[in-house]
Amino acid sequence: MEIQSIDHIELFVEDAEKAAFDMCDHFGFAVAGRGGARTGLSGCESVLLRQHDITLLVTSATSPVHRAAEYVERHGQGVGVIALRVDDAQAAFAEAVERGAAPVAPPEIFGPQGDQVAFASVTGFGDVEHRFVSRDRSGGPFAPLIEETGHTHSGEGLLTEIDHLAVCVPAGTLEETVRRYKEAFGLRQTFDERIVVGSQAMDSKVVQSASGRVTLTIIEPDVTRDPGQIDRFIAAHDGAGVQHIAFLTDDILTAVPQSTERGVRFLTTPQSYYEMLTPRLGPIGVPVEELRELNVLADRDHTGVMLQIFTESRHERGTLFYELIDRRGARTFGSNNIQALYEAVDRQQTSNPTGRD
């Protein structure tokens, strides 16, 4: 199976219109379509959002038996589906099931010849499913029963694509989760790391498609150490789930103040972090004072520099949040910034444990 990219992310929420408005208002997404009882969707309302190569489907249940209702009841609002673009959804489904993935929805083909879209779903981790998607043509209809506005691609905004997703899994399940992604989906492990912060610790492995456009950073807590934010996420989320979605941007130094003006709240960074930045990394091509003012983190690998920042969680359980990442040649994930992120999330959870205002 050849996984090309993330086709879309489906968020399960309590109120699709409100959640979609928040993503548009805060991050500059544009509404590209809607679906519901009027268009033939059963048991839910959905809003389609786009920005450059990012597509989000925001769904809320109108029936208590819809999967979005079950998901939100158990986990709160969050990522329910990671959809994968493939050449042939039917073949990818058959291959994944043969390799051990559990089927969720068998292949269905919609639309007229030459303009068809095919969907098929299997289990991923926890209650998150992977939806294989193939289309007869690029830019074709998104999905059946979603009435599109005619704008199939939004070129506005500063966010360009989904860089990666960070996934938290219960202790003792990291190796099995990585093995499943390698065997059932053909992903490859590209990185692993043990992270120790004070009396807490976690283990992380990265799996990635051959195309490089689907990347999951999978993290488990070390329960032999003191409990920390990964333990708290799993408890609040009631199991494995997506901790954050990383949006790629070509200009983080513009995206951060623009997002702040839109109402996004970013995690803060201690001043001591910036005092050590130049001695640790050397020149990075950006004034440290500008990074300090914006609370942007920086790191370097053997291929270049990356800049990143994380939002506060605004979700009802203090779980899902977002990352903006600006890759200036770097291909890794800011390992040297893990401690800064970990401590920043701890500060937010200590001061505002529910994630609400």
Protein backbone atom coordinates (compact mmCIF):
# COMPACT_ATOMS: atom_id res chain seq x y z
CA MET A 1 0.00 0.00 0.00
CA GLU A 2 1.28 3.45 -0.88
CA ILE A 3 -0.02 6.14 1.49
CA GLN A 4 0.32 9.49 -0.24
CA SER A 5 -0.72 12.01 2.40
CA ILE A 6 -3.26 12.93 5.06
CA ASP A 7 -6.45 13.47 3.07
CA HIS A 8 -8.32 15.04 5.98
CA ILE A 9 -8.78 15.01 9.74
CA GLU A 10 -12.26 14.56 11.18
CA LEU A 11 -12.89 16.21 14.53
CA PHE A 12 -15.79 14.94 16.63
CA VAL A 13 -17.27 17.83 18.61
CA GLU A 14 -20.39 18.85 20.53
CA ASP A 15 -21.39 21.64 18.12
CA ALA A 16 -19.99 21.50 14.58
CA GLU A 17 -20.93 25.06 13.64
CA LYS A 18 -19.36 26.55 16.76
CA ALA A 19 -16.20 24.46 16.52
CA ALA A 20 -15.83 25.26 12.81
CA PHE A 21 -16.31 28.97 13.51
CA ASP A 22 -13.57 28.81 16.15
CA MET A 23 -11.10 27.18 13.71
CA CYS A 24 -11.91 29.80 11.08
CA ASP A 25 -11.76 32.67 13.55
CA HIS A 26 -8.58 31.58 15.31
CA PHE A 27 -6.54 29.90 12.58
CA GLY A 28 -7.86 31.34 9.32
CA PHE A 29 -9.63 28.29 7.89
CA ALA A 30 -12.36 28.80 5.27
CA VAL A 31 -15.69 26.95 5.12
CA ALA A 32 -15.66 24.77 1.98
CA GLY A 33 -18.87 22.81 2.46
CA ARG A 34 -21.58 21.49 4.80
CA GLY A 35 -23.55 18.32 5.28
CA GLY A 36 -26.51 17.30 7.39
CA ALA A 37 -30.10 16.13 7.22
CA ARG A 38 -30.74 18.53 4.32
CA THR A 39 -28.00 16.91 2.20
CA GLY A 40 -28.83 13.34 3.26
CA LEU A 41 -26.31 12.82 6.08
CA SER A 42 -27.78 10.63 8.79
CA GLY A 43 -27.30 11.32 12.46
CA CYS A 44 -24.82 14.19 12.23
CA GLU A 45 -23.97 17.66 10.99
CA SER A 46 -20.58 18.32 9.37
CA VAL A 47 -18.67 21.42 8.27
CA LEU A 48 -15.81 21.11 5.79
CA LEU A 49 -12.86 23.47 6.34
CA ARG A 50 -9.83 24.10 4.17
CA GLN A 51 -6.60 26.08 4.21
CA HIS A 52 -3.99 25.37 1.52
CA ASP A 53 -3.37 21.59 1.76
CA ILE A 54 -5.13 21.15 5.13
CA THR A 55 -8.66 19.74 5.14
CA LEU A 56 -10.69 19.37 8.33
CA LEU A 57 -14.14 17.85 8.67
CA VAL A 58 -15.84 19.02 11.85
CA THR A 59 -18.70 16.72 12.88
CA SER A 60 -21.26 16.72 15.69
CA ALA A 61 -23.90 14.08 16.30
CA THR A 62 -27.63 14.73 15.98
CA SER A 63 -28.39 11.15 17.04
CA PRO A 64 -27.16 9.46 20.23
CA VAL A 65 -26.14 6.36 18.24
CA HIS A 66 -23.81 8.21 15.86
CA ARG A 67 -20.12 7.49 16.40
CA ALA A 68 -19.41 11.17 17.10
CA ALA A 69 -21.84 11.05 20.05
CA GLU A 70 -20.15 7.97 21.49
CA TYR A 71 -16.70 9.49 20.98
CA VAL A 72 -17.52 12.86 22.60
CA GLU A 73 -19.26 11.15 25.51
CA ARG A 74 -16.18 9.06 26.25
CA HIS A 75 -13.28 11.29 25.21
CA GLY A 76 -14.59 14.84 24.91
CA GLN A 77 -13.99 16.72 21.68
CA GLY A 78 -11.04 15.50 19.60
CA VAL A 79 -9.69 13.72 16.55
CA GLY A 80 -11.89 10.77 15.60
CA VAL A 81 -10.62 10.03 12.09
CA ILE A 82 -7.24 10.39 10.38
CA ALA A 83 -8.01 9.92 6.68
CA LEU A 84 -5.23 8.64 4.43
CA ARG A 85 -5.04 9.40 0.70
CA VAL A 86 -4.20 6.30 -1.35
CA ASP A 87 -4.41 5.27 -5.01
CA ASP A 88 -7.06 2.62 -4.35
CA ALA A 89 -9.08 2.67 -1.13
CA GLN A 90 -10.52 -0.81 -1.74
CA ALA A 91 -7.09 -2.37 -2.22
CA ALA A 92 -5.59 -0.48 0.75
CA PHE A 93 -8.46 -1.65 2.98
CA ALA A 94 -8.03 -5.28 1.92
CA GLU A 95 -4.28 -5.14 2.44
CA ALA A 96 -4.52 -3.49 5.87
CA VAL A 97 -7.11 -6.01 7.08
CA GLU A 98 -5.04 -8.91 5.76
CA ARG A 99 -2.07 -7.52 7.71
CA GLY A 100 -4.01 -7.33 10.96
CA ALA A 101 -6.01 -4.06 11.02
CA ALA A 102 -9.59 -4.43 12.25
CA PRO A 103 -12.24 -3.32 9.73
CA VAL A 104 -14.58 -0.47 10.70
CA ALA A 105 -16.41 0.36 7.43
CA PRO A 106 -16.11 -1.68 4.22
CA PRO A 107 -15.27 0.05 0.92
CA GLU A 108 -17.95 2.23 -0.63
CA ILE A 109 -17.73 4.03 -3.96
CA PHE A 110 -19.75 7.16 -4.61
CA GLY A 111 -20.35 9.37 -7.61
CA PRO A 112 -20.35 8.98 -11.39
CA GLN A 113 -17.57 7.37 -13.37
CA GLY A 114 -14.61 9.73 -13.70
CA ASP A 115 -15.65 11.67 -10.59
CA GLN A 116 -15.82 8.91 -8.01
CA VAL A 117 -14.57 8.90 -4.42
CA ALA A 118 -14.01 5.73 -2.43
CA PHE A 119 -13.95 5.40 1.37
CA ALA A 120 -13.02 2.46 3.60
CA SER A 121 -12.06 2.47 7.29
CA VAL A 122 -10.01 0.40 9.73
CA THR A 123 -8.97 0.86 13.34
CA GLY A 124 -5.92 2.93 14.23
CA PHE A 125 -5.23 3.52 17.94
CA GLY A 126 -7.78 3.79 20.72
CA ASP A 127 -11.08 4.95 19.21
CA VAL A 128 -9.37 6.72 16.29
CA GLU A 129 -9.97 5.16 12.88
CA HIS A 130 -8.09 5.48 9.61
CA ARG A 131 -10.24 6.19 6.57
CA PHE A 132 -8.64 5.25 3.26
CA VAL A 133 -9.66 7.72 0.55
CA SER A 134 -9.13 7.55 -3.21
CA ARG A 135 -10.51 9.85 -5.88
CA ASP A 136 -10.73 9.58 -9.64
CA ARG A 137 -9.25 13.03 -10.00
CA SER A 138 -7.38 15.53 -7.90
CA GLY A 139 -9.71 18.29 -6.78
CA GLY A 140 -12.75 16.06 -7.21
CA PRO A 141 -15.68 16.00 -4.77
CA PHE A 142 -14.67 15.68 -1.15
CA ALA A 143 -17.29 13.17 -0.04
CA PRO A 144 -20.87 12.09 -0.66
CA LEU A 145 -23.55 14.15 1.02
CA ILE A 146 -21.20 17.10 1.68
CA GLU A 147 -22.48 20.07 -0.29
CA GLU A 148 -19.41 22.06 -1.27
CA THR A 149 -19.23 25.81 -1.78
CA GLY A 150 -17.27 25.46 -5.03
CA HIS A 151 -13.99 26.46 -3.36
CA THR A 152 -12.13 23.14 -3.38
CA HIS A 153 -8.83 24.70 -2.32
CA SER A 154 -8.30 27.69 -0.03
CA GLY A 155 -5.09 29.55 -0.76
CA GLU A 156 -5.61 32.06 2.03
CA GLY A 157 -3.96 31.84 5.44
CA LEU A 158 -0.48 31.03 6.73
CA LEU A 159 -0.92 27.33 7.53
CA THR A 160 0.05 25.06 4.64
CA GLU A 161 -0.29 21.38 5.60
CA ILE A 162 -0.38 18.95 8.53
CA ASP A 163 3.21 18.31 9.55
CA HIS A 164 2.54 15.57 12.09
CA LEU A 165 0.21 14.37 14.82
CA ALA A 166 1.33 13.57 18.36
CA VAL A 167 -0.40 10.52 19.84
CA CYS A 168 -0.48 9.51 23.50
CA VAL A 169 -0.94 5.80 24.27
CA PRO A 170 -1.21 3.99 27.61
CA ALA A 171 1.94 2.67 29.23
CA GLY A 172 3.07 -0.65 27.84
CA THR A 173 1.40 -0.21 24.42
CA LEU A 174 4.00 1.83 22.52
CA GLU A 175 5.89 -1.10 21.00
CA GLU A 176 2.70 -2.86 19.92
CA THR A 177 1.27 0.34 18.40
CA VAL A 178 4.44 0.97 16.40
CA ARG A 179 4.57 -2.66 15.27
CA ARG A 180 0.95 -2.45 14.04
CA TYR A 181 1.67 0.67 12.00
CA LYS A 182 4.70 -0.94 10.43
CA GLU A 183 2.95 -4.21 9.63
CA ALA A 184 -0.62 -3.15 8.77
CA PHE A 185 0.05 0.25 7.16
CA GLY A 186 3.59 -0.09 5.87
CA LEU A 187 4.91 2.87 7.84
CA ARG A 188 8.55 2.94 8.90
CA GLN A 189 10.02 3.93 12.24
CA THR A 190 12.26 6.95 11.76
CA PHE A 191 13.09 8.07 15.30
CA ASP A 192 12.92 6.99 18.94
CA GLU A 193 13.77 8.79 22.14
CA ARG A 194 13.49 8.50 25.89
CA ILE A 195 12.67 11.82 27.51
CA VAL A 196 13.34 12.48 31.19
CA VAL A 197 12.06 15.65 32.83
CA GLY A 198 12.80 15.79 36.54
CA SER A 199 11.15 12.80 38.21
CA GLN A 200 8.97 12.06 35.17
CA ALA A 201 9.79 10.19 31.96
CA MET A 202 8.24 9.09 28.66
CA ASP A 203 9.23 7.10 25.60
CA SER A 204 8.56 8.26 22.06
CA LYS A 205 8.80 6.70 18.60
CA VAL A 206 8.05 8.30 15.22
CA VAL A 207 6.45 6.37 12.34
CA GLN A 208 6.20 7.84 8.85
CA SER A 209 4.90 6.93 5.41
CA ALA A 210 7.36 6.43 2.55
CA SER A 211 6.03 9.68 1.05
CA GLY A 212 7.04 11.53 4.22
CA ARG A 213 3.63 13.23 4.37
CA VAL A 214 2.05 11.11 7.10
CA THR A 215 3.92 11.28 10.41
CA LEU A 216 2.80 10.11 13.84
CA THR A 217 4.83 10.79 16.98
CA ILE A 218 3.66 8.15 19.44
CA ILE A 219 4.34 8.66 23.16
CA GLU A 220 3.79 6.50 26.25
CA PRO A 221 4.42 7.46 29.89
CA ASP A 222 6.88 5.64 32.11
CA VAL A 223 4.71 4.57 35.04
CA THR A 224 7.75 3.63 37.11
CA ARG A 225 8.38 7.37 37.44
CA ASP A 226 6.12 10.10 38.85
CA PRO A 227 2.94 10.72 36.82
CA GLY A 228 3.04 13.68 34.41
CA GLN A 229 1.18 15.30 31.54
CA ILE A 230 1.02 12.14 29.36
CA ASP A 231 -0.58 10.25 32.25
CA ARG A 232 -3.00 13.16 32.75
CA PHE A 233 -3.90 13.23 29.05
CA ILE A 234 -4.68 9.50 29.00
CA ALA A 235 -6.77 9.81 32.16
CA ALA A 236 -8.70 12.89 30.95
CA HIS A 237 -9.13 11.48 27.43
CA ASP A 238 -9.98 8.01 28.76
CA GLY A 239 -7.42 6.19 26.65
CA ALA A 240 -5.18 6.71 23.64
CA GLY A 241 -5.74 9.77 21.47
CA VAL A 242 -4.27 12.66 19.51
CA GLN A 243 -2.60 15.09 21.89
CA HIS A 244 -1.81 17.74 19.29
CA ILE A 245 -1.98 18.50 15.58
CA ALA A 246 1.06 20.27 14.12
CA PHE A 247 0.32 22.73 11.32
CA LEU A 248 3.20 23.61 9.02
CA THR A 249 3.75 27.28 8.21
CA ASP A 250 6.30 29.02 6.02
CA ASP A 251 6.33 32.11 8.27
CA ILE A 252 5.86 31.42 11.96
CA LEU A 253 7.03 34.92 12.89
CA THR A 254 3.97 36.31 11.12
CA ALA A 255 1.61 33.44 11.95
CA VAL A 256 2.08 33.74 15.73
CA PRO A 257 1.17 37.43 16.15
CA GLN A 258 -1.63 37.06 13.59
CA SER A 259 -3.04 34.07 15.48
CA THR A 260 -2.64 35.88 18.79
CA GLU A 261 -4.67 38.78 17.41
CA ARG A 262 -7.33 36.24 16.41
CA GLY A 263 -7.55 35.00 20.02
CA VAL A 264 -5.20 32.00 20.02
CA ARG A 265 -3.36 31.57 23.32
CA PHE A 266 0.14 30.14 23.12
CA LEU A 267 2.16 28.51 25.86
CA THR A 268 4.80 30.74 27.40
CA THR A 269 8.50 29.97 27.73
CA PRO A 270 10.83 30.96 30.63
CA GLN A 271 13.32 33.69 29.82
CA SER A 272 16.18 31.37 30.80
CA TYR A 273 15.41 29.26 27.71
CA TYR A 274 16.40 32.16 25.42
CA GLU A 275 19.52 33.00 27.41
CA MET A 276 20.88 29.55 26.51
CA LEU A 277 19.61 29.46 22.92
CA THR A 278 22.61 30.92 21.10
CA PRO A 279 25.20 28.99 23.16
CA ARG A 280 23.24 25.79 22.46
CA LEU A 281 22.42 26.26 18.75
CA GLY A 282 24.72 28.96 17.46
CA PRO A 283 23.34 31.47 14.92
CA ILE A 284 19.90 30.42 13.67
CA GLY A 285 19.14 33.26 11.26
CA VAL A 286 16.44 34.83 13.46
CA PRO A 287 16.99 37.40 16.23
CA VAL A 288 16.67 35.71 19.60
CA GLU A 289 14.81 38.75 20.94
CA GLU A 290 12.09 38.25 18.34
CA LEU A 291 11.72 34.61 19.35
CA ARG A 292 11.65 35.63 23.02
CA GLU A 293 8.92 38.20 22.40
CA LEU A 294 6.74 35.61 20.61
CA ASN A 295 7.62 32.63 22.88
CA VAL A 296 8.76 30.69 19.80
CA LEU A 297 11.08 27.73 20.40
CA ALA A 298 14.04 26.88 18.15
CA ASP A 299 16.05 23.76 17.46
CA ARG A 300 18.59 22.49 14.96
CA ASP A 301 19.37 19.13 13.39
CA HIS A 302 21.96 18.10 10.79
CA THR A 303 19.80 19.45 7.94
CA GLY A 304 18.72 22.83 9.28
CA VAL A 305 16.70 24.85 11.79
CA MET A 306 13.11 24.54 12.95
CA LEU A 307 10.93 27.01 14.83
CA GLN A 308 7.85 25.89 16.75
CA ILE A 309 5.23 26.98 19.26
CA PHE A 310 2.33 25.26 20.99
CA THR A 311 -1.11 26.57 21.84
CA GLU A 312 -2.86 26.22 25.14
CA SER A 313 -5.56 23.58 25.17
CA ARG A 314 -9.01 25.17 25.01
CA HIS A 315 -10.85 21.86 25.11
CA GLU A 316 -13.20 20.97 27.92
CA ARG A 317 -10.87 18.30 29.33
CA GLY A 318 -7.65 20.17 28.66
CA THR A 319 -6.55 17.57 26.11
CA LEU A 320 -6.20 18.43 22.39
CA PHE A 321 -4.03 21.41 21.44
CA TYR A 322 -2.17 22.62 18.32
CA GLU A 323 1.37 23.34 17.19
CA LEU A 324 2.71 25.74 14.58
CA ILE A 325 5.99 24.58 13.06
CA ASP A 326 8.27 26.35 10.59
CA ARG A 327 10.85 24.04 9.05
CA ARG A 328 13.91 25.83 7.72
CA GLY A 329 15.63 22.68 6.54
CA ALA A 330 15.19 20.64 9.73
CA ARG A 331 13.46 17.28 9.44
CA THR A 332 13.21 16.18 13.08
CA PHE A 333 10.82 17.21 15.84
CA GLY A 334 12.54 19.59 18.21
CA SER A 335 13.85 17.01 20.66
CA ASN A 336 15.73 19.67 22.58
CA ASN A 337 12.45 21.52 23.07
CA ILE A 338 10.58 18.62 24.64
CA GLN A 339 11.48 19.71 28.15
CA ALA A 340 10.37 23.30 27.44
CA LEU A 341 7.04 22.01 26.04
CA TYR A 342 6.58 19.54 28.89
CA GLU A 343 7.13 22.20 31.53
CA ALA A 344 4.90 24.70 29.70
CA VAL A 345 2.00 22.24 29.51
CA ASP A 346 2.49 21.45 33.18
CA ARG A 347 2.26 25.16 33.99
CA GLN A 348 -0.98 25.49 32.04
CA GLN A 349 -2.51 22.37 33.57
CA THR A 350 -1.56 23.51 37.07
CA SER A 351 -3.06 26.98 36.60
CA ASN A 352 -6.10 25.88 34.54
CA PRO A 353 -6.61 22.11 34.82
CA THR A 354 -9.86 21.95 32.78
CA GLY A 355 -8.58 23.94 29.79
CA ARG A 356 -11.49 26.38 30.14
CA ASP A 357 -11.38 30.11 30.67
